[in-house]
């Protein structure tokens, strides 16, 4: 398995977004990801977080796994943790259907 992660976030939020990304991968998604055959799979996670004009956070997560693409976006979150966790929750729901 080859995993690439890119984080795009304001300086004050970058460390939090990185931590939350790894927590979601290692905790929330671990059981779902272990069900898949990952030996020759390449995948990339691209997380983008921005502050909008209201001073709230907007975020997009783009996940590409072996040619399959998943994209989730949310806007106007006051709490950065809630935003990132919500984005990964949508991916987890998609994995649970498979």
PDB file of N, CA and C in Angstrom:
ATOM      1  N   UNK A   1       0.835  -1.174   0.000  1.00  0.00           N
ATOM      2  CA  UNK A   1       0.000   0.000   0.000  1.00  0.00           C
ATOM      3  C   UNK A   1       0.882   1.239   0.000  1.00  0.00           C
ATOM      4  N   UNK A   2       0.507   2.177  -0.830  1.00  0.00           N
ATOM      5  CA  UNK A   2       1.189   3.460  -0.856  1.00  0.00           C
ATOM      6  C   UNK A   2       0.172   4.543  -0.545  1.00  0.00           C
ATOM      7  N   UNK A   3       0.381   5.249   0.549  1.00  0.00           N
ATOM      8  CA  UNK A   3      -0.528   6.290   1.004  1.00  0.00           C
ATOM      9  C   UNK A   3       0.162   7.641   0.930  1.00  0.00           C
ATOM     10  N   UNK A   4      -0.518   8.588   0.293  1.00  0.00           N
ATOM     11  CA  UNK A   4      -0.026   9.962   0.230  1.00  0.00           C
ATOM     12  C   UNK A   4      -1.092  10.857   0.835  1.00  0.00           C
ATOM     13  N   UNK A   5      -0.670  11.737   1.720  1.00  0.00           N
ATOM     14  CA  UNK A   5      -1.597  12.664   2.352  1.00  0.00           C
ATOM     15  C   UNK A   5      -1.104  14.084   2.109  1.00  0.00           C
ATOM     16  N   UNK A   6      -2.019  14.929   1.657  1.00  0.00           N
ATOM     17  CA  UNK A   6      -1.716  16.346   1.481  1.00  0.00           C
ATOM     18  C   UNK A   6      -2.694  17.140   2.333  1.00  0.00           C
ATOM     19  N   UNK A   7      -2.167  18.066   3.090  1.00  0.00           N
ATOM     20  CA  UNK A   7      -2.985  18.917   3.945  1.00  0.00           C
ATOM     21  C   UNK A   7      -2.799  20.363   3.495  1.00  0.00           C
ATOM     22  N   UNK A   8      -3.901  21.019   3.202  1.00  0.00           N
ATOM     23  CA  UNK A   8      -3.890  22.437   2.843  1.00  0.00           C
ATOM     24  C   UNK A   8      -4.763  23.144   3.870  1.00  0.00           C
ATOM     25  N   UNK A   9      -4.145  23.945   4.718  1.00  0.00           N
ATOM     26  CA  UNK A   9      -4.879  24.623   5.779  1.00  0.00           C
ATOM     27  C   UNK A   9      -4.113  25.867   6.205  1.00  0.00           C
ATOM     28  N   UNK A  10      -4.825  26.819   6.806  1.00  0.00           N
ATOM     29  CA  UNK A  10      -4.122  27.981   7.355  1.00  0.00           C
ATOM     30  C   UNK A  10      -3.095  27.526   8.395  1.00  0.00           C
ATOM     31  N   UNK A  11      -2.040  28.293   8.549  1.00  0.00           N
ATOM     32  CA  UNK A  11      -0.962  27.916   9.473  1.00  0.00           C
ATOM     33  C   UNK A  11      -1.464  27.565  10.863  1.00  0.00           C
ATOM     34  N   UNK A  12      -2.409  28.340  11.381  1.00  0.00           N
ATOM     35  CA  UNK A  12      -2.892  28.103  12.742  1.00  0.00           C
ATOM     36  C   UNK A  12      -3.740  26.839  12.858  1.00  0.00           C
ATOM     37  N   UNK A  13      -4.181  26.281  11.732  1.00  0.00           N
ATOM     38  CA  UNK A  13      -5.041  25.096  11.759  1.00  0.00           C
ATOM     39  C   UNK A  13      -4.358  23.842  11.233  1.00  0.00           C
ATOM     40  N   UNK A  14      -3.221  23.983  10.605  1.00  0.00           N
ATOM     41  CA  UNK A  14      -2.586  22.854   9.914  1.00  0.00           C
ATOM     42  C   UNK A  14      -2.264  21.683  10.846  1.00  0.00           C
ATOM     43  N   UNK A  15      -1.673  21.938  11.992  1.00  0.00           N
ATOM     44  CA  UNK A  15      -1.316  20.855  12.915  1.00  0.00           C
ATOM     45  C   UNK A  15      -2.562  20.116  13.400  1.00  0.00           C
ATOM     46  N   UNK A  16      -3.637  20.843  13.635  1.00  0.00           N
ATOM     47  CA  UNK A  16      -4.884  20.221  14.085  1.00  0.00           C
ATOM     48  C   UNK A  16      -5.468  19.345  12.979  1.00  0.00           C
ATOM     49  N   UNK A  17      -5.467  19.837  11.757  1.00  0.00           N
ATOM     50  CA  UNK A  17      -6.005  19.062  10.628  1.00  0.00           C
ATOM     51  C   UNK A  17      -5.176  17.801  10.408  1.00  0.00           C
ATOM     52  N   UNK A  18      -3.859  17.893  10.504  1.00  0.00           N
ATOM     53  CA  UNK A  18      -2.998  16.718  10.368  1.00  0.00           C
ATOM     54  C   UNK A  18      -3.294  15.681  11.453  1.00  0.00           C
ATOM     55  N   UNK A  19      -3.391  16.140  12.696  1.00  0.00           N
ATOM     56  CA  UNK A  19      -3.684  15.232  13.812  1.00  0.00           C
ATOM     57  C   UNK A  19      -5.030  14.544  13.619  1.00  0.00           C
ATOM     58  N   UNK A  20      -6.043  15.312  13.255  1.00  0.00           N
ATOM     59  CA  UNK A  20      -7.377  14.747  13.067  1.00  0.00           C
ATOM     60  C   UNK A  20      -7.429  13.769  11.893  1.00  0.00           C
ATOM     61  N   UNK A  21      -6.681  14.050  10.847  1.00  0.00           N
ATOM     62  CA  UNK A  21      -6.627  13.135   9.705  1.00  0.00           C
ATOM     63  C   UNK A  21      -6.068  11.791  10.144  1.00  0.00           C
ATOM     64  N   UNK A  22      -4.952  11.796  10.870  1.00  0.00           N
ATOM     65  CA  UNK A  22      -4.350  10.541  11.325  1.00  0.00           C
ATOM     66  C   UNK A  22      -5.231   9.831  12.350  1.00  0.00           C
ATOM     67  N   UNK A  23      -5.875  10.585  13.224  1.00  0.00           N
ATOM     68  CA  UNK A  23      -6.775   9.958  14.200  1.00  0.00           C
ATOM     69  C   UNK A  23      -7.929   9.250  13.494  1.00  0.00           C
ATOM     70  N   UNK A  24      -8.489   9.897  12.490  1.00  0.00           N
ATOM     71  CA  UNK A  24      -9.584   9.271  11.751  1.00  0.00           C
ATOM     72  C   UNK A  24      -9.128   8.017  11.025  1.00  0.00           C
ATOM     73  N   UNK A  25      -7.964   8.063  10.419  1.00  0.00           N
ATOM     74  CA  UNK A  25      -7.448   6.891   9.707  1.00  0.00           C
ATOM     75  C   UNK A  25      -7.142   5.745  10.664  1.00  0.00           C
ATOM     76  N   UNK A  26      -6.529   6.056  11.787  1.00  0.00           N
ATOM     77  CA  UNK A  26      -6.083   5.010  12.711  1.00  0.00           C
ATOM     78  C   UNK A  26      -7.166   4.517  13.659  1.00  0.00           C
ATOM     79  N   UNK A  27      -8.200   5.298  13.882  1.00  0.00           N
ATOM     80  CA  UNK A  27      -9.220   4.887  14.839  1.00  0.00           C
ATOM     81  C   UNK A  27     -10.561   4.609  14.166  1.00  0.00           C
ATOM     82  N   UNK A  28     -11.183   5.642  13.633  1.00  0.00           N
ATOM     83  CA  UNK A  28     -12.520   5.487  13.055  1.00  0.00           C
ATOM     84  C   UNK A  28     -12.553   4.545  11.862  1.00  0.00           C
ATOM     85  N   UNK A  29     -11.588   4.681  10.980  1.00  0.00           N
ATOM     86  CA  UNK A  29     -11.621   3.947   9.712  1.00  0.00           C
ATOM     87  C   UNK A  29     -10.824   2.657   9.728  1.00  0.00           C
ATOM     88  N   UNK A  30     -10.088   2.402  10.785  1.00  0.00           N
ATOM     89  CA  UNK A  30      -9.182   1.260  10.829  1.00  0.00           C
ATOM     90  C   UNK A  30      -9.886  -0.056  10.519  1.00  0.00           C
ATOM     91  N   UNK A  31     -11.014  -0.330  11.151  1.00  0.00           N
ATOM     92  CA  UNK A  31     -11.692  -1.609  10.928  1.00  0.00           C
ATOM     93  C   UNK A  31     -12.223  -1.731   9.502  1.00  0.00           C
ATOM     94  N   UNK A  32     -12.652  -0.616   8.908  1.00  0.00           N
ATOM     95  CA  UNK A  32     -13.142  -0.649   7.530  1.00  0.00           C
ATOM     96  C   UNK A  32     -11.996  -0.842   6.545  1.00  0.00           C
ATOM     97  N   UNK A  33     -10.897  -0.167   6.796  1.00  0.00           N
ATOM     98  CA  UNK A  33      -9.753  -0.251   5.894  1.00  0.00           C
ATOM     99  C   UNK A  33      -9.074  -1.617   5.963  1.00  0.00           C
ATOM    100  N   UNK A  34      -9.113  -2.258   7.121  1.00  0.00           N
ATOM    101  CA  UNK A  34      -8.498  -3.581   7.259  1.00  0.00           C
ATOM    102  C   UNK A  34      -9.226  -4.656   6.445  1.00  0.00           C
ATOM    103  N   UNK A  35     -10.475  -4.426   6.100  1.00  0.00           N
ATOM    104  CA  UNK A  35     -11.252  -5.390   5.318  1.00  0.00           C
ATOM    105  C   UNK A  35     -10.826  -5.420   3.847  1.00  0.00           C
ATOM    106  N   UNK A  36     -10.171  -4.369   3.420  1.00  0.00           N
ATOM    107  CA  UNK A  36      -9.791  -4.261   2.009  1.00  0.00           C
ATOM    108  C   UNK A  36      -8.415  -4.871   1.778  1.00  0.00           C
ATOM    109  N   UNK A  37      -8.206  -5.371   0.574  1.00  0.00           N
ATOM    110  CA  UNK A  37      -6.903  -5.915   0.191  1.00  0.00           C
ATOM    111  C   UNK A  37      -6.034  -4.749  -0.284  1.00  0.00           C
ATOM    112  N   UNK A  38      -5.061  -4.366   0.528  1.00  0.00           N
ATOM    113  CA  UNK A  38      -4.283  -3.168   0.288  1.00  0.00           C
ATOM    114  C   UNK A  38      -2.906  -3.421  -0.301  1.00  0.00           C
ATOM    115  N   UNK A  39      -2.586  -4.644  -0.615  1.00  0.00           N
ATOM    116  CA  UNK A  39      -1.212  -4.953  -0.990  1.00  0.00           C
ATOM    117  C   UNK A  39      -0.667  -4.064  -2.117  1.00  0.00           C
ATOM    118  N   UNK A  40      -1.399  -3.937  -3.207  1.00  0.00           N
ATOM    119  CA  UNK A  40      -0.910  -3.167  -4.347  1.00  0.00           C
ATOM    120  C   UNK A  40      -1.716  -1.892  -4.589  1.00  0.00           C
ATOM    121  N   UNK A  41      -2.379  -1.405  -3.566  1.00  0.00           N
ATOM    122  CA  UNK A  41      -3.261  -0.255  -3.721  1.00  0.00           C
ATOM    123  C   UNK A  41      -2.507   1.042  -3.471  1.00  0.00           C
ATOM    124  N   UNK A  42      -2.743   1.995  -4.353  1.00  0.00           N
ATOM    125  CA  UNK A  42      -2.219   3.341  -4.160  1.00  0.00           C
ATOM    126  C   UNK A  42      -3.396   4.242  -3.834  1.00  0.00           C
ATOM    127  N   UNK A  43      -3.214   5.047  -2.819  1.00  0.00           N
ATOM    128  CA  UNK A  43      -4.282   5.988  -2.530  1.00  0.00           C
ATOM    129  C   UNK A  43      -3.752   7.298  -2.003  1.00  0.00           C
ATOM    130  N   UNK A  44      -4.576   8.338  -2.183  1.00  0.00           N
ATOM    131  CA  UNK A  44      -4.181   9.677  -1.807  1.00  0.00           C
ATOM    132  C   UNK A  44      -5.335  10.370  -1.103  1.00  0.00           C
ATOM    133  N   UNK A  45      -5.001  11.070  -0.050  1.00  0.00           N
ATOM    134  CA  UNK A  45      -5.979  11.864   0.679  1.00  0.00           C
ATOM    135  C   UNK A  45      -5.544  13.320   0.596  1.00  0.00           C
ATOM    136  N   UNK A  46      -6.438  14.168   0.134  1.00  0.00           N
ATOM    137  CA  UNK A  46      -6.161  15.596   0.022  1.00  0.00           C
ATOM    138  C   UNK A  46      -7.206  16.323   0.871  1.00  0.00           C
ATOM    139  N   UNK A  47      -6.754  16.971   1.933  1.00  0.00           N
ATOM    140  CA  UNK A  47      -7.647  17.681   2.844  1.00  0.00           C
ATOM    141  C   UNK A  47      -7.383  19.178   2.692  1.00  0.00           C
ATOM    142  N   UNK A  48      -8.453  19.925   2.405  1.00  0.00           N
ATOM    143  CA  UNK A  48      -8.333  21.380   2.269  1.00  0.00           C
ATOM    144  C   UNK A  48      -9.277  22.036   3.267  1.00  0.00           C
ATOM    145  N   UNK A  49      -8.728  22.932   4.056  1.00  0.00           N
ATOM    146  CA  UNK A  49      -9.518  23.684   5.024  1.00  0.00           C
ATOM    147  C   UNK A  49      -9.186  25.157   4.851  1.00  0.00           C
ATOM    148  N   UNK A  50     -10.240  25.976   4.835  1.00  0.00           N
ATOM    149  CA  UNK A  50     -10.059  27.421   4.710  1.00  0.00           C
ATOM    150  C   UNK A  50     -10.985  28.122   5.693  1.00  0.00           C
ATOM    151  N   UNK A  51     -10.609  29.327   6.062  1.00  0.00           N
ATOM    152  CA  UNK A  51     -11.513  30.179   6.832  1.00  0.00           C
ATOM    153  C   UNK A  51     -12.284  31.035   5.838  1.00  0.00           C
ATOM    154  N   UNK A  52     -13.597  31.113   6.022  1.00  0.00           N
ATOM    155  CA  UNK A  52     -14.398  31.912   5.110  1.00  0.00           C
ATOM    156  C   UNK A  52     -14.576  33.335   5.648  1.00  0.00           C
ATOM    157  N   UNK A  53     -15.356  34.145   4.939  1.00  0.00           N
ATOM    158  CA  UNK A  53     -15.544  35.548   5.313  1.00  0.00           C
ATOM    159  C   UNK A  53     -16.256  35.708   6.648  1.00  0.00           C
ATOM    160  N   UNK A  54     -16.981  34.675   7.067  1.00  0.00           N
ATOM    161  CA  UNK A  54     -17.697  34.713   8.348  1.00  0.00           C
ATOM    162  C   UNK A  54     -16.790  34.331   9.519  1.00  0.00           C
ATOM    163  N   UNK A  55     -15.550  33.949   9.215  1.00  0.00           N
ATOM    164  CA  UNK A  55     -14.630  33.507  10.256  1.00  0.00           C
ATOM    165  C   UNK A  55     -14.830  32.053  10.642  1.00  0.00           C
ATOM    166  N   UNK A  56     -15.609  31.324   9.840  1.00  0.00           N
ATOM    167  CA  UNK A  56     -15.871  29.904  10.070  1.00  0.00           C
ATOM    168  C   UNK A  56     -15.031  29.079   9.109  1.00  0.00           C
ATOM    169  N   UNK A  57     -14.977  27.773   9.356  1.00  0.00           N
ATOM    170  CA  UNK A  57     -14.166  26.892   8.524  1.00  0.00           C
ATOM    171  C   UNK A  57     -14.988  26.193   7.450  1.00  0.00           C
ATOM    172  N   UNK A  58     -14.433  26.126   6.253  1.00  0.00           N
ATOM    173  CA  UNK A  58     -14.962  25.329   5.146  1.00  0.00           C
ATOM    174  C   UNK A  58     -13.932  24.249   4.858  1.00  0.00           C
ATOM    175  N   UNK A  59     -14.398  23.068   4.466  1.00  0.00           N
ATOM    176  CA  UNK A  59     -13.447  21.997   4.195  1.00  0.00           C
ATOM    177  C   UNK A  59     -13.881  21.072   3.087  1.00  0.00           C
ATOM    178  N   UNK A  60     -12.891  20.485   2.434  1.00  0.00           N
ATOM    179  CA  UNK A  60     -13.102  19.497   1.379  1.00  0.00           C
ATOM    180  C   UNK A  60     -12.104  18.379   1.600  1.00  0.00           C
ATOM    181  N   UNK A  61     -12.582  17.152   1.470  1.00  0.00           N
ATOM    182  CA  UNK A  61     -11.677  16.006   1.500  1.00  0.00           C
ATOM    183  C   UNK A  61     -11.864  15.254   0.185  1.00  0.00           C
ATOM    184  N   UNK A  62     -10.766  15.012  -0.490  1.00  0.00           N
ATOM    185  CA  UNK A  62     -10.754  14.264  -1.747  1.00  0.00           C
ATOM    186  C   UNK A  62      -9.916  13.022  -1.510  1.00  0.00           C
ATOM    187  N   UNK A  63     -10.522  11.861  -1.711  1.00  0.00           N
ATOM    188  CA  UNK A  63      -9.819  10.599  -1.490  1.00  0.00           C
ATOM    189  C   UNK A  63      -9.852   9.802  -2.780  1.00  0.00           C
ATOM    190  N   UNK A  64      -8.682   9.393  -3.232  1.00  0.00           N
ATOM    191  CA  UNK A  64      -8.566   8.551  -4.419  1.00  0.00           C
ATOM    192  C   UNK A  64      -7.946   7.225  -3.995  1.00  0.00           C
ATOM    193  N   UNK A  65      -8.693   6.166  -4.218  1.00  0.00           N
ATOM    194  CA  UNK A  65      -8.216   4.830  -3.866  1.00  0.00           C
ATOM    195  C   UNK A  65      -8.247   3.965  -5.107  1.00  0.00           C
ATOM    196  N   UNK A  66      -7.088   3.615  -5.587  1.00  0.00           N
ATOM    197  CA  UNK A  66      -6.962   2.701  -6.714  1.00  0.00           C
ATOM    198  C   UNK A  66      -7.896   3.073  -7.863  1.00  0.00           C
ATOM    199  N   UNK A  67      -7.924   4.351  -8.217  1.00  0.00           N
ATOM    200  CA  UNK A  67      -8.729   4.810  -9.341  1.00  0.00           C
ATOM    201  C   UNK A  67     -10.147   5.222  -8.985  1.00  0.00           C
ATOM    202  N   UNK A  68     -10.602   4.964  -7.774  1.00  0.00           N
ATOM    203  CA  UNK A  68     -11.936   5.380  -7.343  1.00  0.00           C
ATOM    204  C   UNK A  68     -11.803   6.678  -6.550  1.00  0.00           C
ATOM    205  N   UNK A  69     -12.730   7.593  -6.817  1.00  0.00           N
ATOM    206  CA  UNK A  69     -12.639   8.910  -6.209  1.00  0.00           C
ATOM    207  C   UNK A  69     -13.820   9.175  -5.284  1.00  0.00           C
ATOM    208  N   UNK A  70     -13.529   9.766  -4.135  1.00  0.00           N
ATOM    209  CA  UNK A  70     -14.537  10.152  -3.158  1.00  0.00           C
ATOM    210  C   UNK A  70     -14.280  11.620  -2.816  1.00  0.00           C
ATOM    211  N   UNK A  71     -15.347  12.416  -2.751  1.00  0.00           N
ATOM    212  CA  UNK A  71     -15.191  13.837  -2.427  1.00  0.00           C
ATOM    213  C   UNK A  71     -16.330  14.259  -1.508  1.00  0.00           C
ATOM    214  N   UNK A  72     -15.957  14.944  -0.432  1.00  0.00           N
ATOM    215  CA  UNK A  72     -16.935  15.425   0.532  1.00  0.00           C
ATOM    216  C   UNK A  72     -16.579  16.858   0.900  1.00  0.00           C
ATOM    217  N   UNK A  73     -17.582  17.723   0.987  1.00  0.00           N
ATOM    218  CA  UNK A  73     -17.355  19.129   1.309  1.00  0.00           C
ATOM    219  C   UNK A  73     -18.389  19.591   2.328  1.00  0.00           C
ATOM    220  N   UNK A  74     -17.957  20.461   3.217  1.00  0.00           N
ATOM    221  CA  UNK A  74     -18.829  21.044   4.232  1.00  0.00           C
ATOM    222  C   UNK A  74     -18.404  22.495   4.452  1.00  0.00           C
ATOM    223  N   UNK A  75     -19.379  23.319   4.859  1.00  0.00           N
ATOM    224  CA  UNK A  75     -19.110  24.743   5.054  1.00  0.00           C
ATOM    225  C   UNK A  75     -19.614  25.219   6.408  1.00  0.00           C
ATOM    226  N   UNK A  76     -19.058  26.328   6.836  1.00  0.00           N
ATOM    227  CA  UNK A  76     -19.525  27.079   8.007  1.00  0.00           C
ATOM    228  C   UNK A  76     -19.460  26.309   9.316  1.00  0.00           C
ATOM    229  N   UNK A  77     -18.315  25.733   9.609  1.00  0.00           N
ATOM    230  CA  UNK A  77     -18.099  25.051  10.881  1.00  0.00           C
ATOM    231  C   UNK A  77     -17.288  25.955  11.805  1.00  0.00           C
ATOM    232  N   UNK A  78     -17.772  26.132  13.009  1.00  0.00           N
ATOM    233  CA  UNK A  78     -17.044  26.912  14.008  1.00  0.00           C
ATOM    234  C   UNK A  78     -15.901  26.078  14.585  1.00  0.00           C
ATOM    235  N   UNK A  79     -16.161  24.791  14.789  1.00  0.00           N
ATOM    236  CA  UNK A  79     -15.190  23.896  15.419  1.00  0.00           C
ATOM    237  C   UNK A  79     -14.470  23.088  14.344  1.00  0.00           C
ATOM    238  N   UNK A  80     -13.171  23.244  14.265  1.00  0.00           N
ATOM    239  CA  UNK A  80     -12.355  22.556  13.261  1.00  0.00           C
ATOM    240  C   UNK A  80     -12.428  21.037  13.421  1.00  0.00           C
ATOM    241  N   UNK A  81     -12.436  20.549  14.663  1.00  0.00           N
ATOM    242  CA  UNK A  81     -12.547  19.106  14.914  1.00  0.00           C
ATOM    243  C   UNK A  81     -13.820  18.541  14.306  1.00  0.00           C
ATOM    244  N   UNK A  82     -14.932  19.239  14.517  1.00  0.00           N
ATOM    245  CA  UNK A  82     -16.219  18.772  13.983  1.00  0.00           C
ATOM    246  C   UNK A  82     -16.199  18.712  12.456  1.00  0.00           C
ATOM    247  N   UNK A  83     -15.585  19.701  11.837  1.00  0.00           N
ATOM    248  CA  UNK A  83     -15.514  19.737  10.373  1.00  0.00           C
ATOM    249  C   UNK A  83     -14.751  18.534   9.823  1.00  0.00           C
ATOM    250  N   UNK A  84     -13.538  18.331  10.293  1.00  0.00           N
ATOM    251  CA  UNK A  84     -12.699  17.243   9.765  1.00  0.00           C
ATOM    252  C   UNK A  84     -13.323  15.880  10.080  1.00  0.00           C
ATOM    253  N   UNK A  85     -13.809  15.701  11.299  1.00  0.00           N
ATOM    254  CA  UNK A  85     -14.441  14.432  11.659  1.00  0.00           C
ATOM    255  C   UNK A  85     -15.673  14.157  10.812  1.00  0.00           C
ATOM    256  N   UNK A  86     -16.459  15.191  10.521  1.00  0.00           N
ATOM    257  CA  UNK A  86     -17.643  15.021   9.690  1.00  0.00           C
ATOM    258  C   UNK A  86     -17.269  14.589   8.274  1.00  0.00           C
ATOM    259  N   UNK A  87     -16.223  15.177   7.734  1.00  0.00           N
ATOM    260  CA  UNK A  87     -15.781  14.793   6.384  1.00  0.00           C
ATOM    261  C   UNK A  87     -15.385  13.316   6.345  1.00  0.00           C
ATOM    262  N   UNK A  88     -14.651  12.866   7.345  1.00  0.00           N
ATOM    263  CA  UNK A  88     -14.246  11.464   7.379  1.00  0.00           C
ATOM    264  C   UNK A  88     -15.422  10.538   7.692  1.00  0.00           C
ATOM    265  N   UNK A  89     -16.409  11.023   8.443  1.00  0.00           N
ATOM    266  CA  UNK A  89     -17.606  10.211   8.708  1.00  0.00           C
ATOM    267  C   UNK A  89     -18.323   9.845   7.412  1.00  0.00           C
ATOM    268  N   UNK A  90     -18.371  10.775   6.484  1.00  0.00           N
ATOM    269  CA  UNK A  90     -19.018  10.494   5.197  1.00  0.00           C
ATOM    270  C   UNK A  90     -18.260   9.418   4.421  1.00  0.00           C
ATOM    271  N   UNK A  91     -16.946   9.465   4.489  1.00  0.00           N
ATOM    272  CA  UNK A  91     -16.144   8.430   3.836  1.00  0.00           C
ATOM    273  C   UNK A  91     -16.370   7.079   4.511  1.00  0.00           C
ATOM    274  N   UNK A  92     -16.430   7.071   5.839  1.00  0.00           N
ATOM    275  CA  UNK A  92     -16.682   5.838   6.578  1.00  0.00           C
ATOM    276  C   UNK A  92     -18.022   5.227   6.198  1.00  0.00           C
ATOM    277  N   UNK A  93     -19.038   6.065   6.056  1.00  0.00           N
ATOM    278  CA  UNK A  93     -20.361   5.578   5.629  1.00  0.00           C
ATOM    279  C   UNK A  93     -20.291   4.918   4.253  1.00  0.00           C
ATOM    280  N   UNK A  94     -19.541   5.529   3.358  1.00  0.00           N
ATOM    281  CA  UNK A  94     -19.385   4.971   2.010  1.00  0.00           C
ATOM    282  C   UNK A  94     -18.673   3.610   2.067  1.00  0.00           C
ATOM    283  N   UNK A  95     -17.631   3.506   2.887  1.00  0.00           N
ATOM    284  CA  UNK A  95     -16.912   2.227   3.030  1.00  0.00           C
ATOM    285  C   UNK A  95     -17.797   1.152   3.650  1.00  0.00           C
ATOM    286  N   UNK A  96     -18.686   1.540   4.548  1.00  0.00           N
ATOM    287  CA  UNK A  96     -19.532   0.555   5.221  1.00  0.00           C
ATOM    288  C   UNK A  96     -20.543  -0.075   4.254  1.00  0.00           C
ATOM    289  N   UNK A  97     -20.828   0.591   3.144  1.00  0.00           N
ATOM    290  CA  UNK A  97     -21.762   0.065   2.143  1.00  0.00           C
ATOM    291  C   UNK A  97     -21.123  -1.024   1.292  1.00  0.00           C
ATOM    292  N   UNK A  98     -19.829  -1.116   1.325  1.00  0.00           N
ATOM    293  CA  UNK A  98     -19.118  -2.081   0.455  1.00  0.00           C
ATOM    294  C   UNK A  98     -18.879  -3.380   1.162  1.00  0.00           C
TER     295      UNK A  98
END
